[in-house]
Amino acid sequence: MSISDWLISLEGTPQGHDVALILAIMAAFLHAVFGALQKGRHDPWLSRGAIDASYGLMAMPFALFVVPWPEPHMWPIFAGAFLIHLGYKLLQAFAYTKGAYTVVYPVVRGTGPLFTVFGAYLIFGETFTLGQWFGVLVLLSGIFGLAFYNYMYLVQDRATLMPALWLAFATGLFVALYTTYDAYGIRATQDPFTFLAWFFFIDGIAIPPIAYMHYKRMSNPPALPPLALRGIVGAFIAFASFGSIMLATRLDKVGEAAILRETSTVFAALIGWLVLKETVGPRRIALMSLIALGAVIVEFAG
C-alpha cells in the first residue's frame, strides 16, 4: 500500500483524527519557523522570493514526473489557489516590512482561524460544540492579548505599527480564505500528493520576479549565497508545514486543524525571544499559555 492509499484509508476514522492532530501541531511549529525566516535577517521580500523559487523548482519534477497527473477539473482550482496565495504573500510581506514580528504574527494567526471556522461551516458543514467554542475564545483571547501587549510595550517600529496591524488583519482574512479553499482543493483530487506537488510548483512562480526587482533596486543588496541557503531551508520547511496542515484538513475537520495550527503563535513568541532577540516577559508567557490551553480545550471538547 502506498502512502497515498494509507492516508486515504484513514479519512474520517479515529486513527485519522489522531494523525491529523499530530500533523496540525507539527505544522504549527514549522509555520512559526517559516515566519521567522521571512522576518529575520533578510528583507521579507527577498526571503519570500528565495523560498518560493526554491520550493517551486524542487516541486517541478515531482509534479511533472512522479505524482498522478491532475484531473481536468483541478486546473481552475489551482488557478484560484495561485491568486489567493499571491494576495496572502503580498499582504504578509508588507506587514512584516512595517511591524515587529511578535506583533504582526499573532494578529495574522488570530484572525485566520476565527474566519476559517465559519468558512468550514459554510462549505463543509462542520460544527463546533459549545465547549469547543469556549476553547476558541480562550485561544483567541491569548493571541489578541499577546498582540495588544506587544503593541503597548514594544518600542521598535512604533511609527508604522498601526498600518502593520491593519495589514496583519487583512493577511489573516487571506489565511482563512486559503485554508478553506485549499482544504476544498486537496479533497477534490484522488491523490492528495498531486495537489501538494502542483500547488508548490505553481505557487513558486509569482514572487521570485518581484523579489528580483526589489533586489535590483536596493542600494546595498545582500550577498546571494546566504539568501539562497535561506530559501532552500525555507522550502523544506514549507513542504513540511503546508503539507502537514493540508493533509490534516483532508483527514479530519478543517476548523479543528486551523485552530490547532494557531498554537504556532506560542512557538513564534519563543522564536522571537530566543532567535530574533525580541522582548518576552511573564505576562506574555501567561498569554501564550492561554493560546495553548484554548487549543487543548478545542481538541478535547470535540
Protein backbone atom coordinates (compact mmCIF):
# COMPACT_ATOMS: atom_id res chain seq x y z
CA MET A 1 0.00 0.00 0.00
CA SER A 2 1.37 3.43 -0.97
CA ILE A 3 1.47 6.40 1.42
CA SER A 4 -1.39 7.99 -0.53
CA ASP A 5 -3.56 4.89 -0.21
CA TRP A 6 -2.77 4.67 3.51
CA LEU A 7 -3.74 8.29 4.11
CA ILE A 8 -6.92 7.96 2.09
CA SER A 9 -7.87 4.89 4.15
CA LEU A 10 -7.63 6.98 7.33
CA GLU A 11 -10.11 9.67 6.24
CA GLY A 12 -12.92 10.07 8.75
CA THR A 13 -11.58 7.41 11.15
CA PRO A 14 -10.45 7.81 14.80
CA GLN A 15 -6.91 6.97 13.72
CA GLY A 16 -7.16 9.63 11.04
CA HIS A 17 -8.20 12.13 13.71
CA ASP A 18 -5.10 11.29 15.75
CA VAL A 19 -2.81 11.60 12.72
CA ALA A 20 -4.45 14.93 11.83
CA LEU A 21 -3.78 16.19 15.38
CA ILE A 22 -0.09 15.35 15.11
CA LEU A 23 0.14 16.91 11.65
CA ALA A 24 -1.57 20.13 12.80
CA ILE A 25 0.77 20.60 15.79
CA MET A 26 3.80 19.87 13.61
CA ALA A 27 2.53 22.42 11.10
CA ALA A 28 2.18 24.98 13.92
CA PHE A 29 5.82 24.71 14.93
CA LEU A 30 7.11 24.70 11.38
CA HIS A 31 4.90 27.63 10.40
CA ALA A 32 6.39 29.73 13.19
CA VAL A 33 9.89 28.83 11.99
CA PHE A 34 8.86 29.71 8.45
CA GLY A 35 7.53 33.11 9.55
CA ALA A 36 10.74 33.85 11.44
CA LEU A 37 12.78 33.01 8.34
CA GLN A 38 10.82 35.58 6.37
CA LYS A 39 11.04 38.25 9.07
CA GLY A 40 14.59 37.62 10.24
CA ARG A 41 17.95 38.67 8.85
CA HIS A 42 16.99 39.37 5.26
CA ASP A 43 14.42 41.71 3.74
CA PRO A 44 10.98 39.95 3.79
CA TRP A 45 10.59 40.29 0.01
CA LEU A 46 13.96 38.69 -0.67
CA SER A 47 13.40 35.90 1.83
CA ARG A 48 9.99 35.07 0.37
CA GLY A 49 11.32 35.21 -3.18
CA ALA A 50 14.20 32.86 -2.35
CA ILE A 51 11.88 30.42 -0.57
CA ASP A 52 9.27 30.40 -3.34
CA ALA A 53 11.86 29.94 -6.07
CA SER A 54 13.39 27.05 -4.16
CA TYR A 55 10.20 25.14 -3.47
CA GLY A 56 8.86 25.77 -6.97
CA LEU A 57 11.98 24.28 -8.57
CA MET A 58 12.04 21.37 -6.10
CA ALA A 59 8.38 20.55 -6.70
CA MET A 60 8.58 20.73 -10.50
CA PRO A 61 10.00 17.23 -11.18
CA PHE A 62 7.58 15.67 -8.69
CA ALA A 63 4.62 17.44 -10.30
CA LEU A 64 5.66 16.53 -13.85
CA PHE A 65 7.03 13.03 -13.41
CA VAL A 66 6.16 11.46 -10.03
CA VAL A 67 2.60 12.11 -8.82
CA PRO A 68 -0.50 11.24 -10.87
CA TRP A 69 -1.46 13.94 -13.36
CA PRO A 70 -4.21 16.31 -12.10
CA GLU A 71 -7.77 15.67 -13.22
CA PRO A 72 -9.14 18.30 -15.68
CA HIS A 73 -11.35 19.91 -13.04
CA MET A 74 -8.26 20.67 -10.90
CA TRP A 75 -6.81 23.35 -13.19
CA PRO A 76 -9.36 26.08 -12.26
CA ILE A 77 -8.82 25.11 -8.60
CA PHE A 78 -5.06 25.58 -8.97
CA ALA A 79 -5.64 28.97 -10.64
CA GLY A 80 -7.78 30.10 -7.71
CA ALA A 81 -5.20 28.87 -5.19
CA PHE A 82 -2.46 30.74 -7.05
CA LEU A 83 -4.34 34.06 -6.85
CA ILE A 84 -5.37 33.63 -3.20
CA HIS A 85 -1.85 32.74 -2.06
CA LEU A 86 -0.36 35.60 -4.08
CA GLY A 87 -2.62 38.05 -2.26
CA TYR A 88 -1.73 36.48 1.08
CA LYS A 89 2.01 36.66 0.46
CA LEU A 90 1.94 40.26 -0.75
CA LEU A 91 -0.02 41.37 2.31
CA GLN A 92 2.22 39.38 4.67
CA ALA A 93 5.41 40.83 3.19
CA PHE A 94 4.05 44.37 3.56
CA ALA A 95 3.00 43.64 7.15
CA TYR A 96 6.43 42.24 8.08
CA THR A 97 8.07 45.26 6.48
CA LYS A 98 6.01 47.63 8.64
CA GLY A 99 5.82 45.93 12.05
CA ALA A 100 7.58 43.78 14.63
CA TYR A 101 7.28 40.04 14.07
CA THR A 102 5.83 39.34 17.52
CA VAL A 103 3.08 41.94 16.94
CA VAL A 104 2.19 41.13 13.35
CA TYR A 105 2.29 37.35 13.60
CA PRO A 106 -0.29 36.95 16.43
CA VAL A 107 -2.79 39.19 14.65
CA VAL A 108 -2.43 37.24 11.42
CA ARG A 109 -2.74 33.91 13.16
CA GLY A 110 -5.61 35.04 15.42
CA THR A 111 -7.74 36.42 12.62
CA GLY A 112 -7.23 33.43 10.34
CA PRO A 113 -8.72 30.57 12.39
CA LEU A 114 -11.75 32.58 13.52
CA PHE A 115 -12.88 33.10 9.94
CA THR A 116 -11.77 29.60 8.92
CA VAL A 117 -14.19 28.09 11.44
CA PHE A 118 -17.06 30.00 9.81
CA GLY A 119 -15.82 29.08 6.34
CA ALA A 120 -15.62 25.40 7.29
CA TYR A 121 -19.24 25.58 8.48
CA LEU A 122 -20.46 27.20 5.27
CA ILE A 123 -18.50 24.98 2.85
CA PHE A 124 -18.09 21.66 4.66
CA GLY A 125 -20.99 21.78 7.15
CA GLU A 126 -18.62 21.45 10.13
CA THR A 127 -19.91 22.45 13.56
CA PHE A 128 -18.23 23.06 16.93
CA THR A 129 -19.60 22.07 20.31
CA LEU A 130 -20.21 24.72 22.97
CA GLY A 131 -17.05 23.56 24.75
CA GLN A 132 -15.04 23.93 21.55
CA TRP A 133 -16.32 27.48 21.04
CA PHE A 134 -15.16 28.25 24.57
CA GLY A 135 -11.75 26.89 23.61
CA VAL A 136 -11.73 29.11 20.52
CA LEU A 137 -12.46 32.16 22.71
CA VAL A 138 -9.68 31.22 25.14
CA LEU A 139 -7.20 30.73 22.30
CA LEU A 140 -8.16 33.98 20.56
CA SER A 141 -8.02 35.92 23.83
CA GLY A 142 -4.44 34.75 24.21
CA ILE A 143 -3.50 35.56 20.62
CA PHE A 144 -5.03 39.02 20.51
CA GLY A 145 -3.92 39.71 24.09
CA LEU A 146 -0.38 38.92 23.01
CA ALA A 147 -0.67 41.27 20.04
CA PHE A 148 -2.12 44.03 22.25
CA TYR A 149 0.59 43.60 24.86
CA ASN A 150 3.27 43.79 22.19
CA TYR A 151 1.59 46.86 20.74
CA MET A 152 1.60 48.60 24.12
CA TYR A 153 5.12 47.77 25.27
CA LEU A 154 7.38 47.10 22.30
CA VAL A 155 9.22 50.18 21.08
CA GLN A 156 10.53 49.09 17.69
CA ASP A 157 8.57 50.03 14.55
CA ARG A 158 6.17 52.25 16.55
CA ALA A 159 5.74 54.75 13.71
CA THR A 160 4.45 52.10 11.31
CA LEU A 161 2.69 49.84 13.79
CA MET A 162 -0.91 50.80 13.00
CA PRO A 163 -0.52 50.18 9.25
CA ALA A 164 1.21 46.92 10.13
CA LEU A 165 -1.77 45.84 12.28
CA TRP A 166 -4.27 46.60 9.51
CA LEU A 167 -2.13 44.68 7.04
CA ALA A 168 -1.88 41.82 9.53
CA PHE A 169 -5.69 41.74 9.89
CA ALA A 170 -6.12 41.62 6.10
CA THR A 171 -3.48 38.90 5.91
CA GLY A 172 -5.43 36.89 8.48
CA LEU A 173 -8.52 37.06 6.28
CA PHE A 174 -6.49 35.61 3.44
CA VAL A 175 -5.21 32.88 5.77
CA ALA A 176 -8.83 31.86 6.38
CA LEU A 177 -9.57 32.03 2.67
CA TYR A 178 -6.63 29.90 1.59
CA THR A 179 -7.07 27.38 4.43
CA THR A 180 -10.67 26.73 3.46
CA TYR A 181 -10.06 26.87 -0.28
CA ASP A 182 -7.02 24.59 -0.17
CA ALA A 183 -8.91 22.09 2.00
CA TYR A 184 -11.51 22.01 -0.76
CA GLY A 185 -8.76 21.61 -3.36
CA ILE A 186 -6.93 18.73 -1.69
CA ARG A 187 -10.25 16.90 -1.27
CA ALA A 188 -11.14 17.43 -4.93
CA THR A 189 -8.35 15.19 -6.29
CA GLN A 190 -7.92 11.46 -5.80
CA ASP A 191 -4.27 11.65 -4.72
CA PRO A 192 -3.50 14.35 -2.10
CA PHE A 193 0.14 14.49 -3.19
CA THR A 194 -0.98 15.54 -6.67
CA PHE A 195 -2.47 18.67 -5.14
CA LEU A 196 0.60 19.37 -3.00
CA ALA A 197 3.18 18.89 -5.77
CA TRP A 198 1.32 21.01 -8.30
CA PHE A 199 0.44 23.63 -5.72
CA PHE A 200 4.10 24.22 -4.81
CA PHE A 201 5.17 24.14 -8.46
CA ILE A 202 2.61 26.76 -9.49
CA ASP A 203 2.85 28.81 -6.29
CA GLY A 204 6.60 29.31 -6.75
CA ILE A 205 6.16 31.36 -9.94
CA ALA A 206 4.92 34.81 -8.89
CA ILE A 207 7.06 36.17 -6.04
CA PRO A 208 10.63 35.49 -7.31
CA PRO A 209 10.40 38.09 -10.15
CA ILE A 210 9.04 40.66 -7.67
CA ALA A 211 11.86 39.84 -5.24
CA TYR A 212 14.43 40.14 -8.04
CA MET A 213 13.19 43.62 -8.97
CA HIS A 214 13.30 44.58 -5.30
CA TYR A 215 16.87 43.24 -5.08
CA LYS A 216 17.97 45.28 -8.12
CA ARG A 217 16.61 48.49 -6.58
CA MET A 218 18.49 48.05 -3.29
CA SER A 219 21.44 50.37 -2.71
CA ASN A 220 23.25 47.73 -0.67
CA PRO A 221 21.88 44.31 -1.67
CA PRO A 222 22.83 41.29 0.45
CA ALA A 223 25.14 38.53 -0.70
CA LEU A 224 23.30 35.87 -2.67
CA PRO A 225 24.70 32.61 -1.15
CA PRO A 226 23.26 33.16 2.39
CA LEU A 227 19.97 34.25 0.84
CA ALA A 228 19.88 31.15 -1.37
CA LEU A 229 20.59 28.94 1.64
CA ARG A 230 17.69 30.57 3.50
CA GLY A 231 15.49 29.88 0.51
CA ILE A 232 16.42 26.19 0.37
CA VAL A 233 15.93 25.71 4.11
CA GLY A 234 12.63 27.62 3.94
CA ALA A 235 11.45 25.46 1.05
CA PHE A 236 11.86 22.25 3.04
CA ILE A 237 10.07 23.85 6.00
CA ALA A 238 7.26 25.00 3.70
CA PHE A 239 6.84 21.50 2.28
CA ALA A 240 6.56 20.02 5.77
CA SER A 241 4.42 22.81 7.27
CA PHE A 242 1.92 23.37 4.47
CA GLY A 243 1.86 19.72 3.52
CA SER A 244 1.09 18.72 7.11
CA ILE A 245 -1.81 21.12 7.56
CA MET A 246 -3.33 20.27 4.17
CA LEU A 247 -3.17 16.55 4.88
CA ALA A 248 -4.72 17.22 8.29
CA THR A 249 -7.65 19.03 6.66
CA ARG A 250 -8.21 16.06 4.37
CA LEU A 251 -8.09 13.52 7.20
CA ASP A 252 -10.26 15.41 9.68
CA LYS A 253 -12.16 18.65 10.28
CA VAL A 254 -10.83 21.80 8.64
CA GLY A 255 -11.85 24.06 11.52
CA GLU A 256 -10.15 21.96 14.20
CA ALA A 257 -6.93 21.72 12.17
CA ALA A 258 -6.94 25.50 11.66
CA ILE A 259 -7.37 26.14 15.39
CA LEU A 260 -4.64 23.70 16.41
CA ARG A 261 -2.24 25.22 13.89
CA GLU A 262 -2.55 28.54 15.69
CA THR A 263 -0.51 27.23 18.58
CA SER A 264 2.19 28.43 16.16
CA THR A 265 1.82 31.77 17.94
CA VAL A 266 3.38 30.22 21.05
CA PHE A 267 6.28 28.90 19.01
CA ALA A 268 6.58 32.26 17.23
CA ALA A 269 6.88 34.16 20.51
CA LEU A 270 9.59 31.77 21.69
CA ILE A 271 11.45 32.18 18.39
CA GLY A 272 11.09 35.96 18.61
CA TRP A 273 12.63 35.84 22.07
CA LEU A 274 15.36 33.25 21.55
CA VAL A 275 16.37 33.95 17.94
CA LEU A 276 15.24 37.45 17.00
CA LYS A 277 16.05 38.85 20.47
CA GLU A 278 12.61 40.42 20.93
CA THR A 279 11.34 41.02 24.46
CA VAL A 280 9.43 38.27 26.32
CA GLY A 281 8.21 38.56 29.93
CA PRO A 282 5.88 36.79 32.38
CA ARG A 283 2.74 38.47 31.02
CA ARG A 284 3.47 37.27 27.52
CA ILE A 285 4.22 33.79 28.81
CA ALA A 286 0.81 33.79 30.51
CA LEU A 287 -0.87 34.86 27.27
CA MET A 288 0.95 32.13 25.38
CA SER A 289 -0.33 29.66 27.94
CA LEU A 290 -3.90 30.79 27.16
CA ILE A 291 -3.30 30.01 23.48
CA ALA A 292 -2.10 26.51 24.27
CA LEU A 293 -4.97 25.97 26.74
CA GLY A 294 -7.54 27.06 24.16
CA ALA A 295 -6.17 24.59 21.63
CA VAL A 296 -6.32 21.78 24.21
CA ILE A 297 -9.95 22.66 25.02
CA VAL A 298 -10.91 22.63 21.33
CA GLU A 299 -9.32 19.19 20.92
CA PHE A 300 -10.81 17.52 23.97
CA ALA A 301 -14.25 19.17 23.87
CA GLY A 302 -14.89 17.81 20.38
